[in-house]
Amino acid sequence: MKIRKLKLLLAVFLCFIFKSNAAPAPPLPQPEAIPPPVGDAAPIDSEIWILMLSGVSLGIYFLIKKTKPKSAI
């Protein structure tokens, strides 16, 4: 009987979570007076090489760390 109550409680909880995530509130409409920004480059466009370099160096670090033999204690 306890298991059935637990399953029912879990099902109700999951339905509540799914409903709250599946139907978010609609976004507010933007006013007509503000035009969207046009032409400016995103800040990441000029510095994308930093992101690539950090990703490659992190990958190399994990490869080196993985291949080192672990010391026996």
PDB file of N, CA and C in Angstrom:
ATOM      1  N   MET A   1       0.813  -1.187   0.000  1.00  0.00           N
ATOM      2  CA  MET A   1       0.000   0.000   0.000  1.00  0.00           C
ATOM      3  C   MET A   1       0.865   1.262   0.000  1.00  0.00           C
ATOM      4  N   LYS A   2       1.999   1.218   0.734  1.00  0.00           N
ATOM      5  CA  LYS A   2       2.896   2.364   0.766  1.00  0.00           C
ATOM      6  C   LYS A   2       3.492   2.645  -0.605  1.00  0.00           C
ATOM      7  N   ILE A   3       3.813   1.587  -1.322  1.00  0.00           N
ATOM      8  CA  ILE A   3       4.424   1.746  -2.644  1.00  0.00           C
ATOM      9  C   ILE A   3       3.424   2.400  -3.591  1.00  0.00           C
ATOM     10  N   ARG A   4       2.157   2.018  -3.508  1.00  0.00           N
ATOM     11  CA  ARG A   4       1.136   2.599  -4.378  1.00  0.00           C
ATOM     12  C   ARG A   4       0.978   4.094  -4.091  1.00  0.00           C
ATOM     13  N   LYS A   5       0.998   4.476  -2.818  1.00  0.00           N
ATOM     14  CA  LYS A   5       0.889   5.888  -2.463  1.00  0.00           C
ATOM     15  C   LYS A   5       2.120   6.655  -2.955  1.00  0.00           C
ATOM     16  N   LEU A   6       3.270   6.034  -2.846  1.00  0.00           N
ATOM     17  CA  LEU A   6       4.499   6.676  -3.306  1.00  0.00           C
ATOM     18  C   LEU A   6       4.471   6.866  -4.818  1.00  0.00           C
ATOM     19  N   LYS A   7       4.007   5.866  -5.553  1.00  0.00           N
ATOM     20  CA  LYS A   7       3.910   5.980  -7.007  1.00  0.00           C
ATOM     21  C   LYS A   7       2.910   7.057  -7.405  1.00  0.00           C
ATOM     22  N   LEU A   8       1.787   7.124  -6.687  1.00  0.00           N
ATOM     23  CA  LEU A   8       0.793   8.148  -6.971  1.00  0.00           C
ATOM     24  C   LEU A   8       1.349   9.533  -6.695  1.00  0.00           C
ATOM     25  N   LEU A   9       2.033   9.696  -5.594  1.00  0.00           N
ATOM     26  CA  LEU A   9       2.642  10.976  -5.259  1.00  0.00           C
ATOM     27  C   LEU A   9       3.693  11.372  -6.293  1.00  0.00           C
ATOM     28  N   LEU A  10       4.498  10.419  -6.729  1.00  0.00           N
ATOM     29  CA  LEU A  10       5.500  10.682  -7.753  1.00  0.00           C
ATOM     30  C   LEU A  10       4.844  11.078  -9.074  1.00  0.00           C
ATOM     31  N   ALA A  11       3.778  10.407  -9.456  1.00  0.00           N
ATOM     32  CA  ALA A  11       3.077  10.728 -10.700  1.00  0.00           C
ATOM     33  C   ALA A  11       2.475  12.128 -10.642  1.00  0.00           C
ATOM     34  N   VAL A  12       1.875  12.487  -9.526  1.00  0.00           N
ATOM     35  CA  VAL A  12       1.303  13.833  -9.385  1.00  0.00           C
ATOM     36  C   VAL A  12       2.404  14.881  -9.438  1.00  0.00           C
ATOM     37  N   PHE A  13       3.510  14.617  -8.769  1.00  0.00           N
ATOM     38  CA  PHE A  13       4.640  15.550  -8.777  1.00  0.00           C
ATOM     39  C   PHE A  13       5.178  15.744 -10.192  1.00  0.00           C
ATOM     40  N   LEU A  14       5.365  14.655 -10.933  1.00  0.00           N
ATOM     41  CA  LEU A  14       5.888  14.754 -12.296  1.00  0.00           C
ATOM     42  C   LEU A  14       4.912  15.485 -13.211  1.00  0.00           C
ATOM     43  N   CYS A  15       3.614  15.244 -13.042  1.00  0.00           N
ATOM     44  CA  CYS A  15       2.621  15.954 -13.853  1.00  0.00           C
ATOM     45  C   CYS A  15       2.656  17.452 -13.551  1.00  0.00           C
ATOM     46  N   PHE A  16       2.797  17.807 -12.296  1.00  0.00           N
ATOM     47  CA  PHE A  16       2.856  19.219 -11.919  1.00  0.00           C
ATOM     48  C   PHE A  16       4.103  19.878 -12.511  1.00  0.00           C
ATOM     49  N   ILE A  17       5.239  19.207 -12.425  1.00  0.00           N
ATOM     50  CA  ILE A  17       6.487  19.746 -12.968  1.00  0.00           C
ATOM     51  C   ILE A  17       6.394  19.876 -14.486  1.00  0.00           C
ATOM     52  N   PHE A  18       5.838  18.852 -15.153  1.00  0.00           N
ATOM     53  CA  PHE A  18       5.731  18.880 -16.608  1.00  0.00           C
ATOM     54  C   PHE A  18       4.805  19.996 -17.055  1.00  0.00           C
ATOM     55  N   LYS A  19       3.690  20.185 -16.358  1.00  0.00           N
ATOM     56  CA  LYS A  19       2.742  21.227 -16.735  1.00  0.00           C
ATOM     57  C   LYS A  19       3.371  22.602 -16.574  1.00  0.00           C
ATOM     58  N   SER A  20       4.113  22.815 -15.503  1.00  0.00           N
ATOM     59  CA  SER A  20       4.698  24.130 -15.286  1.00  0.00           C
ATOM     60  C   SER A  20       5.807  24.425 -16.299  1.00  0.00           C
ATOM     61  N   ASN A  21       6.496  23.404 -16.810  1.00  0.00           N
ATOM     62  CA  ASN A  21       7.549  23.617 -17.798  1.00  0.00           C
ATOM     63  C   ASN A  21       7.006  23.614 -19.216  1.00  0.00           C
ATOM     64  N   ALA A  22       5.908  22.898 -19.451  1.00  0.00           N
ATOM     65  CA  ALA A  22       5.401  22.760 -20.806  1.00  0.00           C
ATOM     66  C   ALA A  22       4.619  23.989 -21.262  1.00  0.00           C
ATOM     67  N   ALA A  23       4.056  24.743 -20.342  1.00  0.00           N
ATOM     68  CA  ALA A  23       3.242  25.889 -20.714  1.00  0.00           C
ATOM     69  C   ALA A  23       3.738  27.149 -20.008  1.00  0.00           C
ATOM     70  N   PRO A  24       4.845  27.730 -20.480  1.00  0.00           N
ATOM     71  CA  PRO A  24       5.330  28.953 -19.828  1.00  0.00           C
ATOM     72  C   PRO A  24       4.427  30.133 -20.174  1.00  0.00           C
ATOM     73  N   ALA A  25       4.552  31.177 -19.422  1.00  0.00           N
ATOM     74  CA  ALA A  25       3.767  32.379 -19.673  1.00  0.00           C
ATOM     75  C   ALA A  25       4.199  32.998 -20.998  1.00  0.00           C
ATOM     76  N   PRO A  26       3.257  33.533 -21.763  1.00  0.00           N
ATOM     77  CA  PRO A  26       3.636  34.144 -23.045  1.00  0.00           C
ATOM     78  C   PRO A  26       4.462  35.403 -22.813  1.00  0.00           C
ATOM     79  N   PRO A  27       5.396  35.683 -23.713  1.00  0.00           N
ATOM     80  CA  PRO A  27       6.237  36.877 -23.534  1.00  0.00           C
ATOM     81  C   PRO A  27       5.427  38.151 -23.760  1.00  0.00           C
ATOM     82  N   LEU A  28       5.845  39.203 -23.110  1.00  0.00           N
ATOM     83  CA  LEU A  28       5.167  40.483 -23.268  1.00  0.00           C
ATOM     84  C   LEU A  28       5.508  41.080 -24.628  1.00  0.00           C
ATOM     85  N   PRO A  29       4.554  41.710 -25.290  1.00  0.00           N
ATOM     86  CA  PRO A  29       4.863  42.314 -26.599  1.00  0.00           C
ATOM     87  C   PRO A  29       5.762  43.532 -26.429  1.00  0.00           C
ATOM     88  N   GLN A  30       6.669  43.719 -27.384  1.00  0.00           N
ATOM     89  CA  GLN A  30       7.571  44.863 -27.332  1.00  0.00           C
ATOM     90  C   GLN A  30       6.852  46.101 -27.870  1.00  0.00           C
ATOM     91  N   PRO A  31       7.172  47.251 -27.320  1.00  0.00           N
ATOM     92  CA  PRO A  31       6.551  48.479 -27.839  1.00  0.00           C
ATOM     93  C   PRO A  31       7.043  48.771 -29.256  1.00  0.00           C
ATOM     94  N   GLU A  32       6.212  49.430 -30.014  1.00  0.00           N
ATOM     95  CA  GLU A  32       6.528  49.720 -31.417  1.00  0.00           C
ATOM     96  C   GLU A  32       7.582  50.808 -31.569  1.00  0.00           C
ATOM     97  N   ALA A  33       7.783  51.645 -30.558  1.00  0.00           N
ATOM     98  CA  ALA A  33       8.681  52.790 -30.691  1.00  0.00           C
ATOM     99  C   ALA A  33      10.157  52.407 -30.675  1.00  0.00           C
ATOM    100  N   ILE A  34      10.515  51.259 -30.114  1.00  0.00           N
ATOM    101  CA  ILE A  34      11.921  50.875 -30.009  1.00  0.00           C
ATOM    102  C   ILE A  34      12.278  49.950 -31.173  1.00  0.00           C
ATOM    103  N   PRO A  35      13.128  50.407 -32.101  1.00  0.00           N
ATOM    104  CA  PRO A  35      13.528  49.531 -33.208  1.00  0.00           C
ATOM    105  C   PRO A  35      14.568  48.520 -32.728  1.00  0.00           C
ATOM    106  N   PRO A  36      14.631  47.351 -33.367  1.00  0.00           N
ATOM    107  CA  PRO A  36      15.633  46.357 -32.973  1.00  0.00           C
ATOM    108  C   PRO A  36      17.035  46.833 -33.349  1.00  0.00           C
ATOM    109  N   PRO A  37      18.053  46.433 -32.582  1.00  0.00           N
ATOM    110  CA  PRO A  37      19.422  46.847 -32.914  1.00  0.00           C
ATOM    111  C   PRO A  37      19.890  46.188 -34.214  1.00  0.00           C
ATOM    112  N   VAL A  38      20.577  46.970 -35.034  1.00  0.00           N
ATOM    113  CA  VAL A  38      21.031  46.474 -36.333  1.00  0.00           C
ATOM    114  C   VAL A  38      22.488  46.866 -36.541  1.00  0.00           C
ATOM    115  N   GLY A  39      23.290  45.935 -37.041  1.00  0.00           N
ATOM    116  CA  GLY A  39      24.621  46.262 -37.499  1.00  0.00           C
ATOM    117  C   GLY A  39      25.748  46.090 -36.504  1.00  0.00           C
ATOM    118  N   ASP A  40      25.502  46.199 -35.225  1.00  0.00           N
ATOM    119  CA  ASP A  40      26.588  46.053 -34.262  1.00  0.00           C
ATOM    120  C   ASP A  40      26.990  44.586 -34.155  1.00  0.00           C
ATOM    121  N   ALA A  41      28.293  44.364 -34.109  1.00  0.00           N
ATOM    122  CA  ALA A  41      28.799  42.997 -33.968  1.00  0.00           C
ATOM    123  C   ALA A  41      28.682  42.560 -32.517  1.00  0.00           C
ATOM    124  N   ALA A  42      28.427  41.296 -32.317  1.00  0.00           N
ATOM    125  CA  ALA A  42      28.382  40.761 -30.961  1.00  0.00           C
ATOM    126  C   ALA A  42      29.797  40.777 -30.386  1.00  0.00           C
ATOM    127  N   PRO A  43      29.946  40.947 -29.072  1.00  0.00           N
ATOM    128  CA  PRO A  43      31.289  41.031 -28.493  1.00  0.00           C
ATOM    129  C   PRO A  43      32.106  39.753 -28.681  1.00  0.00           C
ATOM    130  N   ILE A  44      31.461  38.611 -28.859  1.00  0.00           N
ATOM    131  CA  ILE A  44      32.211  37.370 -28.993  1.00  0.00           C
ATOM    132  C   ILE A  44      32.819  37.235 -30.396  1.00  0.00           C
ATOM    133  N   ASP A  45      32.318  37.984 -31.371  1.00  0.00           N
ATOM    134  CA  ASP A  45      32.811  37.840 -32.738  1.00  0.00           C
ATOM    135  C   ASP A  45      34.299  38.169 -32.865  1.00  0.00           C
ATOM    136  N   SER A  46      34.758  39.181 -32.168  1.00  0.00           N
ATOM    137  CA  SER A  46      36.160  39.563 -32.319  1.00  0.00           C
ATOM    138  C   SER A  46      37.077  38.743 -31.422  1.00  0.00           C
ATOM    139  N   GLU A  47      36.538  38.061 -30.426  1.00  0.00           N
ATOM    140  CA  GLU A  47      37.355  37.311 -29.468  1.00  0.00           C
ATOM    141  C   GLU A  47      37.089  35.801 -29.515  1.00  0.00           C
ATOM    142  N   ILE A  48      36.637  35.283 -30.637  1.00  0.00           N
ATOM    143  CA  ILE A  48      36.291  33.863 -30.741  1.00  0.00           C
ATOM    144  C   ILE A  48      37.531  32.981 -30.637  1.00  0.00           C
ATOM    145  N   TRP A  49      38.683  33.504 -30.984  1.00  0.00           N
ATOM    146  CA  TRP A  49      39.916  32.712 -30.914  1.00  0.00           C
ATOM    147  C   TRP A  49      40.255  32.354 -29.469  1.00  0.00           C
ATOM    148  N   ILE A  50      39.873  33.210 -28.505  1.00  0.00           N
ATOM    149  CA  ILE A  50      40.129  32.899 -27.092  1.00  0.00           C
ATOM    150  C   ILE A  50      39.319  31.669 -26.676  1.00  0.00           C
ATOM    151  N   LEU A  51      38.079  31.614 -27.122  1.00  0.00           N
ATOM    152  CA  LEU A  51      37.235  30.470 -26.814  1.00  0.00           C
ATOM    153  C   LEU A  51      37.799  29.184 -27.422  1.00  0.00           C
ATOM    154  N   MET A  52      38.251  29.257 -28.658  1.00  0.00           N
ATOM    155  CA  MET A  52      38.814  28.074 -29.315  1.00  0.00           C
ATOM    156  C   MET A  52      40.107  27.631 -28.630  1.00  0.00           C
ATOM    157  N   LEU A  53      40.973  28.574 -28.297  1.00  0.00           N
ATOM    158  CA  LEU A  53      42.239  28.251 -27.642  1.00  0.00           C
ATOM    159  C   LEU A  53      42.009  27.629 -26.266  1.00  0.00           C
ATOM    160  N   SER A  54      41.068  28.165 -25.515  1.00  0.00           N
ATOM    161  CA  SER A  54      40.793  27.597 -24.191  1.00  0.00           C
ATOM    162  C   SER A  54      40.189  26.200 -24.302  1.00  0.00           C
ATOM    163  N   GLY A  55      39.349  25.964 -25.304  1.00  0.00           N
ATOM    164  CA  GLY A  55      38.777  24.630 -25.500  1.00  0.00           C
ATOM    165  C   GLY A  55      39.829  23.604 -25.871  1.00  0.00           C
ATOM    166  N   VAL A  56      40.736  23.968 -26.759  1.00  0.00           N
ATOM    167  CA  VAL A  56      41.807  23.054 -27.164  1.00  0.00           C
ATOM    168  C   VAL A  56      42.733  22.763 -25.994  1.00  0.00           C
ATOM    169  N   SER A  57      43.089  23.804 -25.231  1.00  0.00           N
ATOM    170  CA  SER A  57      43.983  23.575 -24.094  1.00  0.00           C
ATOM    171  C   SER A  57      43.315  22.734 -23.006  1.00  0.00           C
ATOM    172  N   LEU A  58      42.022  22.912 -22.782  1.00  0.00           N
ATOM    173  CA  LEU A  58      41.310  22.079 -21.815  1.00  0.00           C
ATOM    174  C   LEU A  58      41.261  20.627 -22.293  1.00  0.00           C
ATOM    175  N   GLY A  59      41.049  20.417 -23.582  1.00  0.00           N
ATOM    176  CA  GLY A  59      41.056  19.065 -24.128  1.00  0.00           C
ATOM    177  C   GLY A  59      42.409  18.390 -23.986  1.00  0.00           C
ATOM    178  N   ILE A  60      43.485  19.119 -24.260  1.00  0.00           N
ATOM    179  CA  ILE A  60      44.834  18.569 -24.098  1.00  0.00           C
ATOM    180  C   ILE A  60      45.097  18.238 -22.638  1.00  0.00           C
ATOM    181  N   TYR A  61      44.662  19.113 -21.719  1.00  0.00           N
ATOM    182  CA  TYR A  61      44.843  18.858 -20.284  1.00  0.00           C
ATOM    183  C   TYR A  61      44.158  17.553 -19.877  1.00  0.00           C
ATOM    184  N   PHE A  62      42.924  17.356 -20.318  1.00  0.00           N
ATOM    185  CA  PHE A  62      42.215  16.130 -19.943  1.00  0.00           C
ATOM    186  C   PHE A  62      42.832  14.888 -20.588  1.00  0.00           C
ATOM    187  N   LEU A  63      43.362  15.015 -21.807  1.00  0.00           N
ATOM    188  CA  LEU A  63      44.035  13.874 -22.426  1.00  0.00           C
ATOM    189  C   LEU A  63      45.296  13.507 -21.672  1.00  0.00           C
ATOM    190  N   ILE A  64      46.070  14.495 -21.266  1.00  0.00           N
ATOM    191  CA  ILE A  64      47.305  14.222 -20.502  1.00  0.00           C
ATOM    192  C   ILE A  64      46.958  13.634 -19.153  1.00  0.00           C
ATOM    193  N   LYS A  65      45.950  14.185 -18.498  1.00  0.00           N
ATOM    194  CA  LYS A  65      45.533  13.692 -17.181  1.00  0.00           C
ATOM    195  C   LYS A  65      45.041  12.255 -17.269  1.00  0.00           C
ATOM    196  N   LYS A  66      44.371  11.902 -18.359  1.00  0.00           N
ATOM    197  CA  LYS A  66      43.826  10.551 -18.521  1.00  0.00           C
ATOM    198  C   LYS A  66      44.935   9.532 -18.767  1.00  0.00           C
ATOM    199  N   THR A  67      45.986   9.920 -19.471  1.00  0.00           N
ATOM    200  CA  THR A  67      47.030   8.958 -19.817  1.00  0.00           C
ATOM    201  C   THR A  67      48.069   8.763 -18.733  1.00  0.00           C
ATOM    202  N   LYS A  68      48.113   9.633 -17.717  1.00  0.00           N
ATOM    203  CA  LYS A  68      49.081   9.458 -16.632  1.00  0.00           C
ATOM    204  C   LYS A  68      48.700   8.237 -15.796  1.00  0.00           C
ATOM    205  N   PRO A  69      49.672   7.383 -15.496  1.00  0.00           N
ATOM    206  CA  PRO A  69      49.349   6.227 -14.628  1.00  0.00           C
ATOM    207  C   PRO A  69      49.121   6.688 -13.196  1.00  0.00           C
ATOM    208  N   LYS A  70      48.160   6.064 -12.570  1.00  0.00           N
ATOM    209  CA  LYS A  70      47.853   6.412 -11.182  1.00  0.00           C
ATOM    210  C   LYS A  70      48.862   5.729 -10.257  1.00  0.00           C
ATOM    211  N   SER A  71      49.317   6.436  -9.268  1.00  0.00           N
ATOM    212  CA  SER A  71      50.294   5.856  -8.331  1.00  0.00           C
ATOM    213  C   SER A  71      49.588   4.932  -7.353  1.00  0.00           C
ATOM    214  N   ALA A  72      50.214   3.817  -7.058  1.00  0.00           N
ATOM    215  CA  ALA A  72      49.653   2.856  -6.105  1.00  0.00           C
ATOM    216  C   ALA A  72      49.987   3.290  -4.688  1.00  0.00           C
ATOM    217  N   ILE A  73      48.981   3.259  -3.849  1.00  0.00           N
ATOM    218  CA  ILE A  73      49.201   3.650  -2.446  1.00  0.00           C
ATOM    219  C   ILE A  73      49.203   2.417  -1.571  1.00  0.00           C
TER     220      ILE A  73
END
